[in-house]
């Protein structure tokens, strides 16, 4: 069962939610004055504060419904903010390698959902191209960052990066279509799973990797996160990436010394470092 979470304080989130709710959902309950919806195995709830600060929303919803509900995935529909103001549609895992400036718990990661998240990115790319929005929006992974804290596999899917994008109905529809698509709800699980390390926050190398190669991405440690990366935090990234078998490096911005340090930890965890040439093409 999957929980989709929206926030009233987030204009993009409300935009996406309005598009999702056009598809025959049933209102089954109320939570803190907001309706709870169901359709098949999907539930929707809305929180009044920004959801990056709303820990364990899955457990709170399970308690509210008081029925045999056990969520195995959480998807947050959200806005994305950027000082550069780049118009973008993004997908990313969550958690904090270091301090918890924006929700969650310091030094704690949230379990990822690699196959679902990767398929969401691929579907988002194809839908954006089909709807003619690819000239307006960049579509990419983002590195692991921010809260909230949960123990259920989770990812964020977002519209960025300013008010004009957040209220763009076409962008909201593309994300709604993506989240509700059968390919994203039931992705193939016959591809290897990797933790990705290095590169910039918007992960162009890892985005291109999944477009061309059969690989699913879990947690992503960007260049800015390398200062927090230890053998213990890498071990947590592995534990919080279900099915992780490999480490994949974007060599831009990481030194040979840093990569060798990580490789020594990888051996201890019985994982392998791979290159794109090791992977099957899509």
Foldseek 3Di string as FASTA:
>chain_A
DEEEEAEPVFLLSVLLVVLLVVPDWDFDDDDPRWTWTDDDLYIYDYDHDPCLAPAAPVVVVCVVVVDPDDHQEYEYEHAAADPVFAWAKEKEFEDELACAPAEDHGNAGEFADFQLRLQLLVQLVVLCVVVVNVVRYHGFYFAYYTGYHHHHHYMYIYTDHDDVRSNPNSSSNSSSCSCPDPCNVDPDPPAAEEEEEEDDRRCPVVRVLSQWFRYTYTHYHYLVNLVSDDLVSVVNSVVSYPRHAEYEYPPPNDDPVSVVRVVVSCVVVNHYYDDSVVTHTD
